[in-house]
Structure formats: C-alpha cells, structure tokens
Amino acid sequence: MGYIDGVIVAVETAKKQEYIDFAKGTAAAFKKHGALSAIECWGDDIPDGKVTSFGMAVKCKENESVVFSWIMWPDKETRIKAWPAIEEDEALAGLFSDMPFDGARLIYGGFEVVVND
C-alpha cells in the first residue's frame, strides 16, 4: 500500500523561497532514488493549541511558519535502500549541511499506509 516519510518543521517566514528551492532539490533526489512523490506544504491555517499543536510541536516562533511534508514510497524496502544513496548523492553535496531551518526542531518519522482512498 505504500510507505510515507512524514516531516514537520518550523521555517523562518522570510526564508519561504529559500525553503522551496531546498525542497525542490531534495524532492528530485528522493524521486531519483525511488520515491513516488514528495509533497511540501507551507502552513496557512495553523491554530494555536492549548495542550499541543503543530506549532508547539516544533517550537514555532512568531517569525516562523510550520511546514508539513511527506515523501511517498512504494514500500518500506525502497525507502530503506534509498536513504543511504540519498545521503551519498553528489547532487545534494552540502544541501543538508546548509538547511534553511533549524534541524533540531524537525520532527520526522516513517509511516505504513493503512488507508489510501
């Protein structure tokens, strides 16, 4: 049914275009190594929470926006094989070391797709 890498991160609102450029580069690499798609979504209607929220999860500051992203893989095996190749891909040299966001506040995880209607 597929496998998803999900990501939530806070990005300085003023760096929106820089982030989009970064995301386009990573999306091309993910697809080169077997991903079906890479979706990047810039937060538009992110309510503040009392107990938890997207913004609270990534310690979003007033001058930042929440970005919600996912990479669709055909299966977990493809994803497992792809990540080492992505990390060694020369086309991405330096891209991960100069990210337009604070990687320490990035939330990431792998998810098995259970419904896809």
PDB file of N, CA and C in Angstrom:
ATOM      1  N   MET A   1       0.799  -1.208   0.000  1.00  0.00           N
ATOM      2  CA  MET A   1       0.000   0.000   0.000  1.00  0.00           C
ATOM      3  C   MET A   1       0.838   1.267   0.000  1.00  0.00           C
ATOM      4  N   GLY A   2       2.107   1.154   0.285  1.00  0.00           N
ATOM      5  CA  GLY A   2       2.970   2.321   0.296  1.00  0.00           C
ATOM      6  C   GLY A   2       3.530   2.619   1.668  1.00  0.00           C
ATOM      7  N   TYR A   3       4.459   3.526   1.681  1.00  0.00           N
ATOM      8  CA  TYR A   3       5.129   3.922   2.912  1.00  0.00           C
ATOM      9  C   TYR A   3       5.403   5.421   2.822  1.00  0.00           C
ATOM     10  N   ILE A   4       5.244   6.114   3.931  1.00  0.00           N
ATOM     11  CA  ILE A   4       5.393   7.568   3.966  1.00  0.00           C
ATOM     12  C   ILE A   4       6.478   7.974   4.960  1.00  0.00           C
ATOM     13  N   ASP A   5       7.338   8.902   4.554  1.00  0.00           N
ATOM     14  CA  ASP A   5       8.185   9.627   5.491  1.00  0.00           C
ATOM     15  C   ASP A   5       7.472  10.940   5.745  1.00  0.00           C
ATOM     16  N   GLY A   6       7.136  11.227   6.998  1.00  0.00           N
ATOM     17  CA  GLY A   6       6.458  12.464   7.348  1.00  0.00           C
ATOM     18  C   GLY A   6       7.383  13.410   8.081  1.00  0.00           C
ATOM     19  N   VAL A   7       7.246  14.707   7.805  1.00  0.00           N
ATOM     20  CA  VAL A   7       8.118  15.719   8.396  1.00  0.00           C
ATOM     21  C   VAL A   7       7.299  16.947   8.777  1.00  0.00           C
ATOM     22  N   ILE A   8       7.597  17.503   9.945  1.00  0.00           N
ATOM     23  CA  ILE A   8       7.065  18.803  10.350  1.00  0.00           C
ATOM     24  C   ILE A   8       8.256  19.622  10.830  1.00  0.00           C
ATOM     25  N   VAL A   9       8.331  20.868  10.374  1.00  0.00           N
ATOM     26  CA  VAL A   9       9.455  21.726  10.746  1.00  0.00           C
ATOM     27  C   VAL A   9       8.998  23.187  10.745  1.00  0.00           C
ATOM     28  N   ALA A  10       9.647  23.996  11.540  1.00  0.00           N
ATOM     29  CA  ALA A  10       9.414  25.449  11.536  1.00  0.00           C
ATOM     30  C   ALA A  10      10.473  26.103  10.660  1.00  0.00           C
ATOM     31  N   VAL A  11      10.031  27.014   9.790  1.00  0.00           N
ATOM     32  CA  VAL A  11      10.929  27.708   8.875  1.00  0.00           C
ATOM     33  C   VAL A  11      10.661  29.204   9.002  1.00  0.00           C
ATOM     34  N   GLU A  12      11.724  30.007   9.058  1.00  0.00           N
ATOM     35  CA  GLU A  12      11.530  31.463   9.086  1.00  0.00           C
ATOM     36  C   GLU A  12      10.678  31.861   7.891  1.00  0.00           C
ATOM     37  N   THR A  13       9.629  32.598   8.149  1.00  0.00           N
ATOM     38  CA  THR A  13       8.709  33.003   7.091  1.00  0.00           C
ATOM     39  C   THR A  13       9.442  33.749   5.977  1.00  0.00           C
ATOM     40  N   ALA A  14      10.429  34.551   6.331  1.00  0.00           N
ATOM     41  CA  ALA A  14      11.205  35.295   5.337  1.00  0.00           C
ATOM     42  C   ALA A  14      12.045  34.381   4.446  1.00  0.00           C
ATOM     43  N   LYS A  15      12.228  33.128   4.833  1.00  0.00           N
ATOM     44  CA  LYS A  15      13.028  32.178   4.053  1.00  0.00           C
ATOM     45  C   LYS A  15      12.156  31.221   3.238  1.00  0.00           C
ATOM     46  N   LYS A  16      10.916  31.614   2.974  1.00  0.00           N
ATOM     47  CA  LYS A  16       9.999  30.729   2.246  1.00  0.00           C
ATOM     48  C   LYS A  16      10.578  30.298   0.898  1.00  0.00           C
ATOM     49  N   GLN A  17      11.044  31.237   0.093  1.00  0.00           N
ATOM     50  CA  GLN A  17      11.568  30.865  -1.220  1.00  0.00           C
ATOM     51  C   GLN A  17      12.830  30.020  -1.101  1.00  0.00           C
ATOM     52  N   GLU A  18      13.678  30.363  -0.142  1.00  0.00           N
ATOM     53  CA  GLU A  18      14.886  29.555   0.096  1.00  0.00           C
ATOM     54  C   GLU A  18      14.496  28.119   0.439  1.00  0.00           C
ATOM     55  N   TYR A  19      13.452  27.966   1.267  1.00  0.00           N
ATOM     56  CA  TYR A  19      12.987  26.626   1.627  1.00  0.00           C
ATOM     57  C   TYR A  19      12.422  25.912   0.399  1.00  0.00           C
ATOM     58  N   ILE A  20      11.644  26.605  -0.408  1.00  0.00           N
ATOM     59  CA  ILE A  20      11.072  25.992  -1.610  1.00  0.00           C
ATOM     60  C   ILE A  20      12.185  25.492  -2.529  1.00  0.00           C
ATOM     61  N   ASP A  21      13.222  26.288  -2.706  1.00  0.00           N
ATOM     62  CA  ASP A  21      14.359  25.870  -3.533  1.00  0.00           C
ATOM     63  C   ASP A  21      15.026  24.628  -2.943  1.00  0.00           C
ATOM     64  N   PHE A  22      15.227  24.623  -1.627  1.00  0.00           N
ATOM     65  CA  PHE A  22      15.794  23.470  -0.929  1.00  0.00           C
ATOM     66  C   PHE A  22      14.916  22.239  -1.159  1.00  0.00           C
ATOM     67  N   ALA A  23      13.604  22.404  -0.993  1.00  0.00           N
ATOM     68  CA  ALA A  23      12.667  21.286  -1.119  1.00  0.00           C
ATOM     69  C   ALA A  23      12.628  20.725  -2.538  1.00  0.00           C
ATOM     70  N   LYS A  24      12.742  21.586  -3.530  1.00  0.00           N
ATOM     71  CA  LYS A  24      12.768  21.110  -4.912  1.00  0.00           C
ATOM     72  C   LYS A  24      13.994  20.239  -5.159  1.00  0.00           C
ATOM     73  N   GLY A  25      15.127  20.635  -4.595  1.00  0.00           N
ATOM     74  CA  GLY A  25      16.349  19.839  -4.733  1.00  0.00           C
ATOM     75  C   GLY A  25      16.240  18.486  -4.060  1.00  0.00           C
ATOM     76  N   THR A  26      15.691  18.470  -2.862  1.00  0.00           N
ATOM     77  CA  THR A  26      15.560  17.188  -2.162  1.00  0.00           C
ATOM     78  C   THR A  26      14.500  16.315  -2.835  1.00  0.00           C
ATOM     79  N   ALA A  27      13.412  16.910  -3.307  1.00  0.00           N
ATOM     80  CA  ALA A  27      12.364  16.131  -3.973  1.00  0.00           C
ATOM     81  C   ALA A  27      12.915  15.405  -5.202  1.00  0.00           C
ATOM     82  N   ALA A  28      13.731  16.092  -5.972  1.00  0.00           N
ATOM     83  CA  ALA A  28      14.331  15.466  -7.156  1.00  0.00           C
ATOM     84  C   ALA A  28      15.193  14.271  -6.752  1.00  0.00           C
ATOM     85  N   ALA A  29      15.944  14.408  -5.666  1.00  0.00           N
ATOM     86  CA  ALA A  29      16.787  13.303  -5.203  1.00  0.00           C
ATOM     87  C   ALA A  29      15.941  12.142  -4.691  1.00  0.00           C
ATOM     88  N   PHE A  30      14.882  12.454  -3.936  1.00  0.00           N
ATOM     89  CA  PHE A  30      14.015  11.382  -3.435  1.00  0.00           C
ATOM     90  C   PHE A  30      13.434  10.589  -4.609  1.00  0.00           C
ATOM     91  N   LYS A  31      12.960  11.292  -5.626  1.00  0.00           N
ATOM     92  CA  LYS A  31      12.357  10.626  -6.777  1.00  0.00           C
ATOM     93  C   LYS A  31      13.404   9.849  -7.576  1.00  0.00           C
ATOM     94  N   LYS A  32      14.606  10.397  -7.683  1.00  0.00           N
ATOM     95  CA  LYS A  32      15.699   9.710  -8.371  1.00  0.00           C
ATOM     96  C   LYS A  32      15.989   8.364  -7.709  1.00  0.00           C
ATOM     97  N   HIS A  33      15.784   8.300  -6.395  1.00  0.00           N
ATOM     98  CA  HIS A  33      16.100   7.091  -5.643  1.00  0.00           C
ATOM     99  C   HIS A  33      14.863   6.265  -5.286  1.00  0.00           C
ATOM    100  N   GLY A  34      13.751   6.495  -5.989  1.00  0.00           N
ATOM    101  CA  GLY A  34      12.613   5.588  -5.869  1.00  0.00           C
ATOM    102  C   GLY A  34      11.340   6.128  -5.257  1.00  0.00           C
ATOM    103  N   ALA A  35      11.335   7.353  -4.756  1.00  0.00           N
ATOM    104  CA  ALA A  35      10.106   7.913  -4.192  1.00  0.00           C
ATOM    105  C   ALA A  35       9.087   8.143  -5.305  1.00  0.00           C
ATOM    106  N   LEU A  36       7.836   7.965  -4.971  1.00  0.00           N
ATOM    107  CA  LEU A  36       6.756   8.217  -5.929  1.00  0.00           C
ATOM    108  C   LEU A  36       6.439   9.701  -6.013  1.00  0.00           C
ATOM    109  N   SER A  37       6.520  10.391  -4.872  1.00  0.00           N
ATOM    110  CA  SER A  37       6.266  11.827  -4.840  1.00  0.00           C
ATOM    111  C   SER A  37       6.823  12.412  -3.551  1.00  0.00           C
ATOM    112  N   ALA A  38       7.006  13.726  -3.573  1.00  0.00           N
ATOM    113  CA  ALA A  38       7.428  14.466  -2.385  1.00  0.00           C
ATOM    114  C   ALA A  38       6.552  15.709  -2.323  1.00  0.00           C
ATOM    115  N   ILE A  39       5.808  15.855  -1.241  1.00  0.00           N
ATOM    116  CA  ILE A  39       4.842  16.940  -1.086  1.00  0.00           C
ATOM    117  C   ILE A  39       5.328  17.872   0.017  1.00  0.00           C
ATOM    118  N   GLU A  40       5.360  19.169  -0.268  1.00  0.00           N
ATOM    119  CA  GLU A  40       5.758  20.190   0.703  1.00  0.00           C
ATOM    120  C   GLU A  40       4.600  21.166   0.869  1.00  0.00           C
ATOM    121  N   CYS A  41       4.189  21.411   2.100  1.00  0.00           N
ATOM    122  CA  CYS A  41       3.034  22.278   2.366  1.00  0.00           C
ATOM    123  C   CYS A  41       3.418  23.365   3.358  1.00  0.00           C
ATOM    124  N   TRP A  42       3.223  24.621   2.957  1.00  0.00           N
ATOM    125  CA  TRP A  42       3.522  25.776   3.800  1.00  0.00           C
ATOM    126  C   TRP A  42       2.296  26.088   4.652  1.00  0.00           C
ATOM    127  N   GLY A  43       2.440  26.154   5.959  1.00  0.00           N
ATOM    128  CA  GLY A  43       1.318  26.379   6.866  1.00  0.00           C
ATOM    129  C   GLY A  43       0.546  27.640   6.542  1.00  0.00           C
ATOM    130  N   ASP A  44      -0.781  27.517   6.498  1.00  0.00           N
ATOM    131  CA  ASP A  44      -1.642  28.635   6.149  1.00  0.00           C
ATOM    132  C   ASP A  44      -2.696  28.891   7.233  1.00  0.00           C
ATOM    133  N   ASP A  45      -3.167  27.828   7.852  1.00  0.00           N
ATOM    134  CA  ASP A  45      -4.196  27.930   8.880  1.00  0.00           C
ATOM    135  C   ASP A  45      -3.797  26.989  10.015  1.00  0.00           C
ATOM    136  N   ILE A  46      -2.861  27.423  10.832  1.00  0.00           N
ATOM    137  CA  ILE A  46      -2.283  26.597  11.891  1.00  0.00           C
ATOM    138  C   ILE A  46      -2.717  27.176  13.238  1.00  0.00           C
ATOM    139  N   PRO A  47      -3.797  26.662  13.809  1.00  0.00           N
ATOM    140  CA  PRO A  47      -4.274  27.221  15.075  1.00  0.00           C
ATOM    141  C   PRO A  47      -3.320  26.929  16.237  1.00  0.00           C
ATOM    142  N   ASP A  48      -3.267  27.860  17.173  1.00  0.00           N
ATOM    143  CA  ASP A  48      -2.507  27.640  18.400  1.00  0.00           C
ATOM    144  C   ASP A  48      -3.253  26.607  19.233  1.00  0.00           C
ATOM    145  N   GLY A  49      -2.518  25.774  19.910  1.00  0.00           N
ATOM    146  CA  GLY A  49      -3.140  24.776  20.757  1.00  0.00           C
ATOM    147  C   GLY A  49      -2.990  25.126  22.229  1.00  0.00           C
ATOM    148  N   LYS A  50      -3.815  24.514  23.047  1.00  0.00           N
ATOM    149  CA  LYS A  50      -3.694  24.682  24.500  1.00  0.00           C
ATOM    150  C   LYS A  50      -2.838  23.576  25.095  1.00  0.00           C
ATOM    151  N   VAL A  51      -2.941  22.390  24.532  1.00  0.00           N
ATOM    152  CA  VAL A  51      -2.166  21.255  25.021  1.00  0.00           C
ATOM    153  C   VAL A  51      -1.074  20.891  24.024  1.00  0.00           C
ATOM    154  N   THR A  52      -1.443  20.845  22.736  1.00  0.00           N
ATOM    155  CA  THR A  52      -0.474  20.542  21.689  1.00  0.00           C
ATOM    156  C   THR A  52      -0.974  21.107  20.362  1.00  0.00           C
ATOM    157  N   SER A  53      -0.071  21.269  19.434  1.00  0.00           N
ATOM    158  CA  SER A  53      -0.405  21.768  18.096  1.00  0.00           C
ATOM    159  C   SER A  53       0.819  21.570  17.208  1.00  0.00           C
ATOM    160  N   PHE A  54       0.629  21.792  15.909  1.00  0.00           N
ATOM    161  CA  PHE A  54       1.777  21.717  15.004  1.00  0.00           C
ATOM    162  C   PHE A  54       2.853  22.714  15.435  1.00  0.00           C
ATOM    163  N   GLY A  55       2.458  23.942  15.697  1.00  0.00           N
ATOM    164  CA  GLY A  55       3.413  24.979  16.092  1.00  0.00           C
ATOM    165  C   GLY A  55       4.139  24.653  17.380  1.00  0.00           C
ATOM    166  N   MET A  56       3.400  24.157  18.362  1.00  0.00           N
ATOM    167  CA  MET A  56       4.024  23.803  19.639  1.00  0.00           C
ATOM    168  C   MET A  56       4.993  22.638  19.466  1.00  0.00           C
ATOM    169  N   ALA A  57       4.647  21.703  18.592  1.00  0.00           N
ATOM    170  CA  ALA A  57       5.485  20.520  18.387  1.00  0.00           C
ATOM    171  C   ALA A  57       6.881  20.880  17.890  1.00  0.00           C
ATOM    172  N   VAL A  58       6.975  21.929  17.069  1.00  0.00           N
ATOM    173  CA  VAL A  58       8.278  22.329  16.518  1.00  0.00           C
ATOM    174  C   VAL A  58       8.801  23.627  17.131  1.00  0.00           C
ATOM    175  N   LYS A  59       8.173  24.043  18.230  1.00  0.00           N
ATOM    176  CA  LYS A  59       8.572  25.265  18.931  1.00  0.00           C
ATOM    177  C   LYS A  59       8.631  26.457  17.960  1.00  0.00           C
ATOM    178  N   CYS A  60       7.560  26.579  17.175  1.00  0.00           N
ATOM    179  CA  CYS A  60       7.469  27.630  16.155  1.00  0.00           C
ATOM    180  C   CYS A  60       7.494  29.009  16.801  1.00  0.00           C
ATOM    181  N   LYS A  61       8.371  29.868  16.301  1.00  0.00           N
ATOM    182  CA  LYS A  61       8.481  31.236  16.802  1.00  0.00           C
ATOM    183  C   LYS A  61       7.551  32.157  16.005  1.00  0.00           C
ATOM    184  N   GLU A  62       7.358  33.367  16.495  1.00  0.00           N
ATOM    185  CA  GLU A  62       6.441  34.320  15.870  1.00  0.00           C
ATOM    186  C   GLU A  62       6.802  34.631  14.422  1.00  0.00           C
ATOM    187  N   ASN A  63       8.083  34.598  14.097  1.00  0.00           N
ATOM    188  CA  ASN A  63       8.529  34.931  12.744  1.00  0.00           C
ATOM    189  C   ASN A  63       8.702  33.690  11.858  1.00  0.00           C
ATOM    190  N   GLU A  64       8.122  32.579  12.280  1.00  0.00           N
ATOM    191  CA  GLU A  64       8.276  31.320  11.549  1.00  0.00           C
ATOM    192  C   GLU A  64       6.917  30.783  11.099  1.00  0.00           C
ATOM    193  N   SER A  65       6.982  29.877  10.135  1.00  0.00           N
ATOM    194  CA  SER A  65       5.801  29.174   9.638  1.00  0.00           C
ATOM    195  C   SER A  65       6.042  27.675   9.772  1.00  0.00           C
ATOM    196  N   VAL A  66       4.963  26.935   9.947  1.00  0.00           N
ATOM    197  CA  VAL A  66       5.061  25.478  10.025  1.00  0.00           C
ATOM    198  C   VAL A  66       5.013  24.903   8.611  1.00  0.00           C
ATOM    199  N   VAL A  67       5.901  23.966   8.330  1.00  0.00           N
ATOM    200  CA  VAL A  67       5.907  23.254   7.058  1.00  0.00           C
ATOM    201  C   VAL A  67       5.614  21.785   7.359  1.00  0.00           C
ATOM    202  N   PHE A  68       4.683  21.238   6.622  1.00  0.00           N
ATOM    203  CA  PHE A  68       4.271  19.840   6.754  1.00  0.00           C
ATOM    204  C   PHE A  68       4.596  19.153   5.432  1.00  0.00           C
ATOM    205  N   SER A  69       5.361  18.079   5.482  1.00  0.00           N
ATOM    206  CA  SER A  69       5.833  17.433   4.256  1.00  0.00           C
ATOM    207  C   SER A  69       5.735  15.925   4.372  1.00  0.00           C
ATOM    208  N   TRP A  70       5.635  15.298   3.220  1.00  0.00           N
ATOM    209  CA  TRP A  70       5.730  13.845   3.221  1.00  0.00           C
ATOM    210  C   TRP A  70       6.291  13.364   1.895  1.00  0.00           C
ATOM    211  N   ILE A  71       6.951  12.217   1.984  1.00  0.00           N
ATOM    212  CA  ILE A  71       7.532  11.553   0.823  1.00  0.00           C
ATOM    213  C   ILE A  71       6.809  10.218   0.703  1.00  0.00           C
ATOM    214  N   MET A  72       6.256   9.956  -0.457  1.00  0.00           N
ATOM    215  CA  MET A  72       5.548   8.704  -0.691  1.00  0.00           C
ATOM    216  C   MET A  72       6.480   7.717  -1.374  1.00  0.00           C
ATOM    217  N   TRP A  73       6.665   6.569  -0.731  1.00  0.00           N
ATOM    218  CA  TRP A  73       7.489   5.490  -1.275  1.00  0.00           C
ATOM    219  C   TRP A  73       6.579   4.331  -1.672  1.00  0.00           C
ATOM    220  N   PRO A  74       6.984   3.520  -2.632  1.00  0.00           N
ATOM    221  CA  PRO A  74       6.152   2.375  -2.993  1.00  0.00           C
ATOM    222  C   PRO A  74       6.052   1.357  -1.852  1.00  0.00           C
ATOM    223  N   ASP A  75       7.121   1.277  -1.048  1.00  0.00           N
ATOM    224  CA  ASP A  75       7.136   0.345   0.081  1.00  0.00           C
ATOM    225  C   ASP A  75       8.300   0.710   1.006  1.00  0.00           C
ATOM    226  N   LYS A  76       8.304   0.119   2.178  1.00  0.00           N
ATOM    227  CA  LYS A  76       9.337   0.420   3.170  1.00  0.00           C
ATOM    228  C   LYS A  76      10.727  -0.008   2.684  1.00  0.00           C
ATOM    229  N   GLU A  77      10.790  -1.115   1.971  1.00  0.00           N
ATOM    230  CA  GLU A  77      12.078  -1.615   1.486  1.00  0.00           C
ATOM    231  C   GLU A  77      12.756  -0.609   0.558  1.00  0.00           C
ATOM    232  N   THR A  78      11.971   0.000  -0.341  1.00  0.00           N
ATOM    233  CA  THR A  78      12.530   1.019  -1.238  1.00  0.00           C
ATOM    234  C   THR A  78      13.062   2.188  -0.438  1.00  0.00           C
ATOM    235  N   ARG A  79      12.299   2.614   0.563  1.00  0.00           N
ATOM    236  CA  ARG A  79      12.712   3.734   1.417  1.00  0.00           C
ATOM    237  C   ARG A  79      14.009   3.404   2.158  1.00  0.00           C
ATOM    238  N   ILE A  80      14.104   2.209   2.706  1.00  0.00           N
ATOM    239  CA  ILE A  80      15.307   1.809   3.453  1.00  0.00           C
ATOM    240  C   ILE A  80      16.536   1.814   2.539  1.00  0.00           C
ATOM    241  N   LYS A  81      16.387   1.323   1.321  1.00  0.00           N
ATOM    242  CA  LYS A  81      17.501   1.301   0.368  1.00  0.00           C
ATOM    243  C   LYS A  81      17.857   2.707  -0.118  1.00  0.00           C
ATOM    244  N   ALA A  82      16.855   3.578  -0.226  1.00  0.00           N
ATOM    245  CA  ALA A  82      17.076   4.902  -0.800  1.00  0.00           C
ATOM    246  C   ALA A  82      17.868   5.831   0.103  1.00  0.00           C
ATOM    247  N   TRP A  83      17.599   5.812   1.403  1.00  0.00           N
ATOM    248  CA  TRP A  83      18.210   6.826   2.278  1.00  0.00           C
ATOM    249  C   TRP A  83      19.727   6.845   2.262  1.00  0.00           C
ATOM    250  N   PRO A  84      20.418   5.713   2.326  1.00  0.00           N
ATOM    251  CA  PRO A  84      21.889   5.795   2.235  1.00  0.00           C
ATOM    252  C   PRO A  84      22.349   6.383   0.892  1.00  0.00           C
ATOM    253  N   ALA A  85      21.664   6.024  -0.187  1.00  0.00           N
ATOM    254  CA  ALA A  85      22.024   6.555  -1.509  1.00  0.00           C
ATOM    255  C   ALA A  85      21.764   8.057  -1.579  1.00  0.00           C
ATOM    256  N   ILE A  86      20.681   8.518  -0.975  1.00  0.00           N
ATOM    257  CA  ILE A  86      20.369   9.949  -0.954  1.00  0.00           C
ATOM    258  C   ILE A  86      21.447  10.703  -0.183  1.00  0.00           C
ATOM    259  N   GLU A  87      21.854  10.162   0.955  1.00  0.00           N
ATOM    260  CA  GLU A  87      22.867  10.825   1.783  1.00  0.00           C
ATOM    261  C   GLU A  87      24.214  10.904   1.082  1.00  0.00           C
ATOM    262  N   GLU A  88      24.476   9.983   0.145  1.00  0.00           N
ATOM    263  CA  GLU A  88      25.745   9.976  -0.586  1.00  0.00           C
ATOM    264  C   GLU A  88      25.630  10.601  -1.975  1.00  0.00           C
ATOM    265  N   ASP A  89      24.455  11.032  -2.366  1.00  0.00           N
ATOM    266  CA  ASP A  89      24.222  11.591  -3.698  1.00  0.00           C
ATOM    267  C   ASP A  89      25.003  12.893  -3.860  1.00  0.00           C
ATOM    268  N   GLU A  90      25.904  12.923  -4.829  1.00  0.00           N
ATOM    269  CA  GLU A  90      26.747  14.101  -5.047  1.00  0.00           C
ATOM    270  C   GLU A  90      25.942  15.328  -5.466  1.00  0.00           C
ATOM    271  N   ALA A  91      24.769  15.117  -6.061  1.00  0.00           N
ATOM    272  CA  ALA A  91      23.926  16.244  -6.455  1.00  0.00           C
ATOM    273  C   ALA A  91      23.418  17.008  -5.234  1.00  0.00           C
ATOM    274  N   LEU A  92      23.457  16.377  -4.076  1.00  0.00           N
ATOM    275  CA  LEU A  92      22.993  17.014  -2.843  1.00  0.00           C
ATOM    276  C   LEU A  92      24.135  17.467  -1.945  1.00  0.00           C
ATOM    277  N   ALA A  93      25.353  17.418  -2.450  1.00  0.00           N
ATOM    278  CA  ALA A  93      26.520  17.785  -1.651  1.00  0.00           C
ATOM    279  C   ALA A  93      26.324  19.155  -1.013  1.00  0.00           C
ATOM    280  N   GLY A  94      26.379  19.204   0.285  1.00  0.00           N
ATOM    281  CA  GLY A  94      26.265  20.449   1.016  1.00  0.00           C
ATOM    282  C   GLY A  94      24.842  20.890   1.310  1.00  0.00           C
ATOM    283  N   LEU A  95      23.858  20.309   0.622  1.00  0.00           N
ATOM    284  CA  LEU A  95      22.477  20.749   0.802  1.00  0.00           C
ATOM    285  C   LEU A  95      21.986  20.501   2.226  1.00  0.00           C
ATOM    286  N   PHE A  96      22.284  19.334   2.770  1.00  0.00           N
ATOM    287  CA  PHE A  96      21.809  19.020   4.112  1.00  0.00           C
ATOM    288  C   PHE A  96      22.603  19.735   5.206  1.00  0.00           C
ATOM    289  N   SER A  97      23.796  20.212   4.881  1.00  0.00           N
ATOM    290  CA  SER A  97      24.580  20.931   5.892  1.00  0.00           C
ATOM    291  C   SER A  97      24.228  22.418   5.933  1.00  0.00           C
ATOM    292  N   ASP A  98      23.490  22.891   4.944  1.00  0.00           N
ATOM    293  CA  ASP A  98      23.109  24.305   4.875  1.00  0.00           C
ATOM    294  C   ASP A  98      21.595  24.424   4.688  1.00  0.00           C
ATOM    295  N   MET A  99      20.848  23.864   5.615  1.00  0.00           N
ATOM    296  CA  MET A  99      19.393  23.855   5.509  1.00  0.00           C
ATOM    297  C   MET A  99      18.809  25.189   5.966  1.00  0.00           C
ATOM    298  N   PRO A 100      17.716  25.626   5.337  1.00  0.00           N
ATOM    299  CA  PRO A 100      17.118  26.916   5.701  1.00  0.00           C
ATOM    300  C   PRO A 100      16.170  26.821   6.906  1.00  0.00           C
ATOM    301  N   PHE A 101      16.486  25.958   7.859  1.00  0.00           N
ATOM    302  CA  PHE A 101      15.683  25.789   9.062  1.00  0.00           C
ATOM    303  C   PHE A 101      16.535  25.130  10.132  1.00  0.00           C
ATOM    304  N   ASP A 102      16.038  25.128  11.351  1.00  0.00           N
ATOM    305  CA  ASP A 102      16.732  24.515  12.484  1.00  0.00           C
ATOM    306  C   ASP A 102      16.394  23.027  12.527  1.00  0.00           C
ATOM    307  N   GLY A 103      17.312  22.209  12.066  1.00  0.00           N
ATOM    308  CA  GLY A 103      17.094  20.766  12.016  1.00  0.00           C
ATOM    309  C   GLY A 103      16.825  20.133  13.371  1.00  0.00           C
ATOM    310  N   ALA A 104      17.234  20.784  14.443  1.00  0.00           N
ATOM    311  CA  ALA A 104      16.991  20.242  15.788  1.00  0.00           C
ATOM    312  C   ALA A 104      15.507  20.272  16.142  1.00  0.00           C
ATOM    313  N   ARG A 105      14.725  21.110  15.446  1.00  0.00           N
ATOM    314  CA  ARG A 105      13.287  21.202  15.722  1.00  0.00           C
ATOM    315  C   ARG A 105      12.459  20.502  14.645  1.00  0.00           C
ATOM    316  N   LEU A 106      13.073  19.709  13.834  1.00  0.00           N
ATOM    317  CA  LEU A 106      12.389  18.942  12.804  1.00  0.00           C
ATOM    318  C   LEU A 106      11.862  17.648  13.415  1.00  0.00           C
ATOM    319  N   ILE A 107      10.620  17.324  13.119  1.00  0.00           N
ATOM    320  CA  ILE A 107      10.028  16.058  13.566  1.00  0.00           C
ATOM    321  C   ILE A 107       9.883  15.179  12.342  1.00  0.00           C
ATOM    322  N   TYR A 108      10.310  13.933  12.450  1.00  0.00           N
ATOM    323  CA  TYR A 108      10.394  13.045  11.300  1.00  0.00           C
ATOM    324  C   TYR A 108       9.994  11.639  11.723  1.00  0.00           C
ATOM    325  N   GLY A 109       9.344  10.917  10.836  1.00  0.00           N
ATOM    326  CA  GLY A 109       9.020   9.522  11.125  1.00  0.00           C
ATOM    327  C   GLY A 109       8.539   8.804   9.886  1.00  0.00           C
ATOM    328  N   GLY A 110       8.609   7.481   9.933  1.00  0.00           N
ATOM    329  CA  GLY A 110       8.130   6.622   8.859  1.00  0.00           C
ATOM    330  C   GLY A 110       6.786   6.029   9.221  1.00  0.00           C
ATOM    331  N   PHE A 111       5.891   5.964   8.236  1.00  0.00           N
ATOM    332  CA  PHE A 111       4.527   5.518   8.469  1.00  0.00           C
ATOM    333  C   PHE A 111       4.081   4.519   7.412  1.00  0.00           C
ATOM    334  N   GLU A 112       3.491   3.432   7.861  1.00  0.00           N
ATOM    335  CA  GLU A 112       2.866   2.462   6.970  1.00  0.00           C
ATOM    336  C   GLU A 112       1.489   2.995   6.562  1.00  0.00           C
ATOM    337  N   VAL A 113       1.219   3.022   5.279  1.00  0.00           N
ATOM    338  CA  VAL A 113      -0.088   3.473   4.799  1.00  0.00           C
ATOM    339  C   VAL A 113      -1.109   2.367   5.077  1.00  0.00           C
ATOM    340  N   VAL A 114      -2.188   2.729   5.758  1.00  0.00           N
ATOM    341  CA  VAL A 114      -3.234   1.747   6.077  1.00  0.00           C
ATOM    342  C   VAL A 114      -4.549   2.043   5.355  1.00  0.00           C
ATOM    343  N   VAL A 115      -4.760   3.295   4.926  1.00  0.00           N
ATOM    344  CA  VAL A 115      -5.926   3.666   4.114  1.00  0.00           C
ATOM    345  C   VAL A 115      -5.436   4.679   3.084  1.00  0.00           C
ATOM    346  N   ASN A 116      -5.821   4.456   1.829  1.00  0.00           N
ATOM    347  CA  ASN A 116      -5.482   5.388   0.751  1.00  0.00           C
ATOM    348  C   ASN A 116      -6.642   5.408  -0.228  1.00  0.00           C
ATOM    349  N   ASP A 117      -7.679   6.146   0.098  1.00  0.00           N
ATOM    350  CA  ASP A 117      -8.878   6.200  -0.747  1.00  0.00           C
ATOM    351  C   ASP A 117      -8.875   7.411  -1.646  1.00  0.00           C
TER     352      ASP A 117
END
